[in-house]
N, C-alpha and C. Protein backbone atom coordinates (compact mmCIF):
# COMPACT_ATOMS: atom_id res chain seq x y z
N MET A 1 -18.42 -37.17 30.33
CA MET A 1 -19.83 -37.02 30.53
C MET A 1 -20.13 -36.23 31.72
N LYS A 2 -21.02 -35.29 31.52
CA LYS A 2 -21.61 -34.52 32.73
C LYS A 2 -23.00 -34.83 32.88
N ASN A 3 -23.36 -35.15 34.12
CA ASN A 3 -24.70 -35.34 34.46
C ASN A 3 -25.35 -34.02 34.86
N ILE A 4 -26.43 -33.72 34.15
CA ILE A 4 -27.10 -32.40 34.44
C ILE A 4 -28.54 -32.61 34.63
N ASN A 5 -29.09 -31.62 35.38
CA ASN A 5 -30.54 -31.62 35.56
C ASN A 5 -31.28 -30.78 34.47
N GLN A 6 -32.56 -30.72 34.54
CA GLN A 6 -33.28 -29.98 33.38
C GLN A 6 -32.95 -28.59 33.43
N THR A 7 -32.71 -27.87 34.54
CA THR A 7 -32.41 -26.47 34.54
C THR A 7 -31.10 -26.26 33.85
N ALA A 8 -30.16 -27.05 34.19
CA ALA A 8 -28.74 -26.90 33.54
C ALA A 8 -28.90 -27.20 32.05
N TRP A 9 -29.59 -28.19 31.72
CA TRP A 9 -29.75 -28.73 30.32
C TRP A 9 -30.38 -27.38 29.53
N GLU A 10 -31.47 -26.96 29.96
CA GLU A 10 -32.11 -25.90 29.21
C GLU A 10 -31.20 -24.62 29.12
N GLU A 11 -30.45 -24.29 30.10
CA GLU A 11 -29.61 -23.10 30.21
C GLU A 11 -28.49 -23.32 29.22
N LEU A 12 -27.84 -24.52 29.22
CA LEU A 12 -26.75 -24.85 28.32
C LEU A 12 -27.24 -24.76 26.85
N ILE A 13 -28.24 -25.44 26.57
CA ILE A 13 -28.81 -25.55 25.21
C ILE A 13 -29.09 -24.07 24.56
N SER A 14 -29.66 -23.22 25.54
CA SER A 14 -30.10 -22.02 25.10
C SER A 14 -28.89 -21.16 24.60
N LYS A 15 -27.73 -21.45 25.17
CA LYS A 15 -26.47 -20.73 24.64
C LYS A 15 -25.64 -21.47 23.67
N ASP A 16 -25.98 -22.67 23.42
CA ASP A 16 -25.22 -23.54 22.49
C ASP A 16 -25.92 -23.63 21.03
N LYS A 17 -25.26 -22.92 20.13
CA LYS A 17 -25.87 -22.73 18.83
C LYS A 17 -25.78 -24.02 18.01
N THR A 18 -24.78 -24.85 18.46
CA THR A 18 -24.47 -26.11 17.67
C THR A 18 -24.85 -27.37 18.53
N ALA A 19 -25.68 -27.12 19.43
CA ALA A 19 -26.07 -28.30 20.29
C ALA A 19 -26.89 -29.39 19.47
N ILE A 20 -26.49 -30.65 19.80
CA ILE A 20 -27.02 -31.75 19.12
C ILE A 20 -27.80 -32.54 20.18
N ILE A 21 -29.09 -32.71 20.11
CA ILE A 21 -29.90 -33.39 21.21
C ILE A 21 -30.31 -34.72 20.66
N ILE A 22 -29.76 -35.75 21.40
CA ILE A 22 -30.03 -37.26 21.02
C ILE A 22 -31.12 -37.78 22.01
N ASP A 23 -32.12 -38.42 21.45
CA ASP A 23 -33.01 -39.13 22.20
C ASP A 23 -32.54 -40.65 21.92
N ALA A 24 -32.03 -41.27 23.05
CA ALA A 24 -31.40 -42.64 22.93
C ALA A 24 -32.49 -43.77 23.09
N ARG A 25 -33.84 -43.36 23.16
CA ARG A 25 -34.81 -44.37 23.36
C ARG A 25 -35.20 -45.17 22.12
N THR A 26 -36.07 -46.04 22.24
CA THR A 26 -36.55 -46.84 20.99
C THR A 26 -37.62 -46.11 20.27
N PRO A 27 -37.71 -46.52 18.96
CA PRO A 27 -38.71 -45.83 18.11
C PRO A 27 -40.20 -45.73 18.82
N ASN A 28 -40.54 -46.80 19.49
CA ASN A 28 -41.90 -46.80 20.05
C ASN A 28 -42.06 -45.78 21.21
N GLU A 29 -40.78 -45.59 21.91
CA GLU A 29 -40.85 -44.57 23.01
C GLU A 29 -40.84 -43.14 22.54
N TRP A 30 -40.02 -43.02 21.41
CA TRP A 30 -39.95 -41.86 20.65
C TRP A 30 -41.40 -41.39 20.27
N ASN A 31 -42.30 -42.18 19.81
CA ASN A 31 -43.59 -41.70 19.42
C ASN A 31 -44.49 -41.22 20.54
N ASP A 32 -44.06 -41.54 21.77
CA ASP A 32 -44.83 -41.03 22.97
C ASP A 32 -44.59 -39.51 23.28
N GLY A 33 -43.41 -38.97 22.66
CA GLY A 33 -43.17 -37.61 22.83
C GLY A 33 -41.64 -37.35 22.98
N ILE A 34 -41.21 -36.15 22.48
CA ILE A 34 -39.73 -35.99 22.60
C ILE A 34 -39.52 -34.50 23.00
N ILE A 35 -38.20 -34.27 23.41
CA ILE A 35 -37.88 -32.93 23.70
C ILE A 35 -37.48 -32.23 22.33
N GLU A 36 -37.85 -30.95 22.17
CA GLU A 36 -37.79 -30.26 20.99
C GLU A 36 -36.37 -30.34 20.43
N ASN A 37 -36.38 -30.61 19.23
CA ASN A 37 -35.07 -30.66 18.33
C ASN A 37 -34.31 -31.93 18.53
N ALA A 38 -34.86 -32.97 19.17
CA ALA A 38 -34.17 -34.14 19.39
C ALA A 38 -34.10 -34.95 18.09
N VAL A 39 -33.13 -35.79 17.98
CA VAL A 39 -32.92 -36.85 16.89
C VAL A 39 -32.98 -38.14 17.62
N LEU A 40 -33.63 -39.02 16.97
CA LEU A 40 -33.66 -40.49 17.41
C LEU A 40 -32.47 -41.22 17.16
N LEU A 41 -31.92 -41.89 18.06
CA LEU A 41 -30.80 -42.71 17.87
C LEU A 41 -30.68 -43.77 19.06
N ASP A 42 -31.40 -44.86 18.74
CA ASP A 42 -31.76 -45.90 19.70
C ASP A 42 -30.46 -46.68 20.13
N VAL A 43 -30.12 -46.40 21.32
CA VAL A 43 -28.82 -47.03 21.92
C VAL A 43 -29.00 -48.48 22.10
N LEU A 44 -30.25 -49.03 22.07
CA LEU A 44 -30.40 -50.42 22.21
C LEU A 44 -29.92 -51.23 20.92
N ASN A 45 -29.89 -50.47 19.80
CA ASN A 45 -29.36 -50.91 18.57
C ASN A 45 -27.93 -50.41 18.45
N GLU A 46 -27.12 -51.01 19.30
CA GLU A 46 -25.76 -50.57 19.60
C GLU A 46 -24.88 -50.61 18.26
N PRO A 47 -24.95 -51.48 17.41
CA PRO A 47 -24.11 -51.40 16.17
C PRO A 47 -24.41 -50.08 15.31
N LYS A 48 -25.73 -49.88 15.13
CA LYS A 48 -26.22 -48.70 14.43
C LYS A 48 -25.88 -47.46 15.15
N PHE A 49 -26.11 -47.36 16.44
CA PHE A 49 -25.72 -46.24 17.24
C PHE A 49 -24.24 -45.95 17.12
N LEU A 50 -23.40 -46.96 17.33
CA LEU A 50 -21.93 -46.74 17.10
C LEU A 50 -21.49 -46.27 15.74
N GLU A 51 -22.13 -46.85 14.74
CA GLU A 51 -21.91 -46.51 13.37
C GLU A 51 -22.15 -45.03 13.09
N SER A 52 -23.34 -44.54 13.66
CA SER A 52 -23.70 -43.24 13.43
C SER A 52 -22.81 -42.22 14.30
N ALA A 53 -22.48 -42.67 15.46
CA ALA A 53 -21.62 -41.90 16.36
C ALA A 53 -20.20 -41.61 15.76
N LYS A 54 -19.70 -42.52 14.99
CA LYS A 54 -18.38 -42.35 14.39
C LYS A 54 -18.46 -41.31 13.27
N THR A 55 -19.61 -40.91 12.88
CA THR A 55 -19.77 -39.77 11.83
C THR A 55 -20.05 -38.49 12.41
N PHE A 56 -20.15 -38.38 13.76
CA PHE A 56 -20.50 -37.10 14.29
C PHE A 56 -19.31 -36.14 14.36
N ASP A 57 -19.59 -34.90 14.36
CA ASP A 57 -18.64 -33.79 14.61
C ASP A 57 -18.20 -33.92 15.99
N LYS A 58 -16.95 -34.15 16.12
CA LYS A 58 -16.41 -34.36 17.55
C LYS A 58 -16.30 -33.04 18.44
N GLU A 59 -16.48 -31.81 17.64
CA GLU A 59 -16.21 -30.61 18.24
C GLU A 59 -17.59 -30.10 18.90
N LYS A 60 -18.71 -30.67 18.52
CA LYS A 60 -19.97 -30.22 18.93
C LYS A 60 -20.28 -30.69 20.28
N ASN A 61 -21.37 -30.29 21.00
CA ASN A 61 -21.78 -30.60 22.29
C ASN A 61 -23.02 -31.64 22.10
N TYR A 62 -23.10 -32.60 22.79
CA TYR A 62 -24.16 -33.69 22.46
C TYR A 62 -24.80 -33.82 23.83
N TYR A 63 -26.22 -33.53 23.83
CA TYR A 63 -27.02 -33.63 25.03
C TYR A 63 -27.88 -34.72 24.68
N VAL A 64 -27.93 -35.69 25.68
CA VAL A 64 -28.44 -37.09 25.52
C VAL A 64 -29.40 -37.30 26.66
N TYR A 65 -30.70 -37.82 26.19
CA TYR A 65 -31.63 -38.40 27.14
C TYR A 65 -32.20 -39.61 26.74
N CYS A 66 -32.93 -40.31 27.69
CA CYS A 66 -33.65 -41.45 27.42
C CYS A 66 -34.94 -41.45 28.30
N ARG A 67 -35.30 -42.60 28.56
CA ARG A 67 -36.61 -42.66 29.40
C ARG A 67 -36.33 -42.25 30.87
N SER A 68 -35.32 -42.89 31.55
CA SER A 68 -35.09 -42.59 32.94
C SER A 68 -33.59 -42.15 33.19
N GLY A 69 -32.86 -42.16 32.37
CA GLY A 69 -31.41 -41.60 32.49
C GLY A 69 -30.32 -42.65 32.47
N ALA A 70 -30.66 -43.95 32.40
CA ALA A 70 -29.71 -45.06 32.43
C ALA A 70 -29.14 -45.40 31.01
N ARG A 71 -29.99 -45.46 29.99
CA ARG A 71 -29.52 -45.72 28.55
C ARG A 71 -28.69 -44.58 28.14
N SER A 72 -29.05 -43.26 28.47
CA SER A 72 -28.39 -42.13 27.96
C SER A 72 -26.91 -42.18 28.54
N VAL A 73 -26.73 -42.77 29.75
CA VAL A 73 -25.35 -42.79 30.21
C VAL A 73 -24.48 -43.73 29.34
N LYS A 74 -25.05 -44.82 28.85
CA LYS A 74 -24.45 -45.77 27.93
C LYS A 74 -24.20 -45.04 26.60
N ALA A 75 -25.19 -44.26 26.14
CA ALA A 75 -25.01 -43.54 24.88
C ALA A 75 -23.82 -42.52 25.03
N CYS A 76 -23.80 -41.84 26.10
CA CYS A 76 -22.69 -40.86 26.31
C CYS A 76 -21.34 -41.54 26.21
N GLN A 77 -21.30 -42.66 26.91
CA GLN A 77 -20.03 -43.58 26.89
C GLN A 77 -19.61 -43.93 25.56
N ILE A 78 -20.57 -44.39 24.62
CA ILE A 78 -20.33 -44.74 23.32
C ILE A 78 -19.72 -43.52 22.54
N LEU A 79 -20.41 -42.37 22.69
CA LEU A 79 -19.95 -41.15 22.03
C LEU A 79 -18.59 -40.82 22.45
N GLU A 80 -18.21 -40.90 23.71
CA GLU A 80 -16.83 -40.62 24.21
C GLU A 80 -15.88 -41.71 23.57
N SER A 81 -16.28 -42.94 23.36
CA SER A 81 -15.39 -43.90 22.99
C SER A 81 -15.01 -43.54 21.40
N VAL A 82 -15.70 -42.86 20.73
CA VAL A 82 -15.39 -42.44 19.31
C VAL A 82 -14.72 -41.16 19.14
N GLY A 83 -14.47 -40.46 20.38
CA GLY A 83 -13.85 -39.12 20.30
C GLY A 83 -14.63 -37.94 20.61
N VAL A 84 -15.87 -38.09 20.96
CA VAL A 84 -16.72 -36.87 21.29
C VAL A 84 -16.22 -36.44 22.67
N GLU A 85 -15.95 -35.18 22.75
CA GLU A 85 -15.34 -34.67 24.08
C GLU A 85 -16.51 -34.25 25.08
N ALA A 86 -17.55 -33.62 24.49
CA ALA A 86 -18.60 -32.94 25.37
C ALA A 86 -19.87 -33.67 25.24
N THR A 87 -20.18 -34.51 26.21
CA THR A 87 -21.50 -35.10 26.31
C THR A 87 -22.22 -34.84 27.57
N TYR A 88 -23.53 -34.59 27.61
CA TYR A 88 -24.20 -34.25 28.65
C TYR A 88 -25.50 -35.13 28.80
N ASN A 89 -25.61 -35.78 29.93
CA ASN A 89 -26.65 -36.69 30.26
C ASN A 89 -27.69 -36.07 31.13
N LEU A 90 -28.89 -36.14 30.62
CA LEU A 90 -30.05 -35.58 31.41
C LEU A 90 -30.49 -36.60 32.54
N LEU A 91 -30.27 -36.09 33.66
CA LEU A 91 -30.67 -36.88 34.91
C LEU A 91 -32.13 -37.11 34.97
N GLY A 92 -32.56 -38.38 35.23
CA GLY A 92 -33.99 -38.68 35.25
C GLY A 92 -34.66 -38.83 33.97
N GLY A 93 -33.92 -38.58 32.88
CA GLY A 93 -34.60 -38.78 31.59
C GLY A 93 -35.86 -37.97 31.28
N ILE A 94 -36.60 -38.43 30.21
CA ILE A 94 -37.73 -37.69 29.91
C ILE A 94 -38.88 -37.93 30.96
N LEU A 95 -38.75 -39.02 31.80
CA LEU A 95 -39.78 -39.25 32.91
C LEU A 95 -39.73 -38.00 33.86
N SER A 96 -38.56 -37.35 34.05
CA SER A 96 -38.43 -36.32 35.04
C SER A 96 -38.62 -35.01 34.34
N TRP A 97 -38.78 -35.08 33.06
CA TRP A 97 -38.87 -33.63 32.23
C TRP A 97 -40.20 -33.06 32.70
N GLU A 98 -40.02 -31.65 33.04
CA GLU A 98 -41.18 -30.89 33.35
C GLU A 98 -41.29 -29.87 32.28
N GLY A 99 -42.38 -29.93 31.67
CA GLY A 99 -42.56 -28.94 30.58
C GLY A 99 -42.97 -29.64 29.36
N ASN A 100 -42.91 -28.92 28.15
CA ASN A 100 -43.41 -29.32 26.92
C ASN A 100 -42.55 -30.50 26.31
N THR A 101 -43.26 -31.37 25.76
CA THR A 101 -42.72 -32.34 24.82
C THR A 101 -43.46 -32.38 23.55
N LEU A 102 -42.91 -32.72 22.46
CA LEU A 102 -43.62 -32.79 21.11
C LEU A 102 -43.81 -34.25 20.75
N ILE A 103 -44.96 -34.37 20.07
CA ILE A 103 -45.19 -35.67 19.30
C ILE A 103 -44.33 -35.44 17.99
N PRO A 104 -43.48 -36.47 17.64
CA PRO A 104 -42.64 -36.32 16.53
C PRO A 104 -43.26 -35.73 15.16
N GLU A 105 -44.47 -36.12 14.86
CA GLU A 105 -45.19 -35.54 13.74
C GLU A 105 -45.37 -34.11 13.79
N GLN A 106 -45.36 -33.50 14.83
CA GLN A 106 -45.42 -32.00 15.24
C GLN A 106 -44.17 -31.09 14.87
N ARG A 107 -43.12 -31.96 14.70
CA ARG A 107 -41.87 -31.19 14.41
C ARG A 107 -41.89 -30.56 13.09
N GLN A 108 -41.27 -29.39 12.93
CA GLN A 108 -41.21 -28.65 11.64
C GLN A 108 -39.73 -28.56 11.22
């Protein structure tokens, strides 16, 4: 796992055509707004998170965020435990995010 700030996050994702962005928050937090192209995978529901993680393409890069950056560390650790090699944790989570977020219903 690499801990990265928003600048590095945006730079890496802009160059990564197969990037997977995981929002590790709860569904209620998800409804408050998300980073574009994120998929919800609540790490507090660890059995479901682990089950989903086992199906992931281990060759892709996974960019993970949560509210403040703590749960996303746990999410990255779970991903690595199932063989995902490249995980990136957003330092400070969405609370530190400067810029646009989307309300999930606005996603296309």
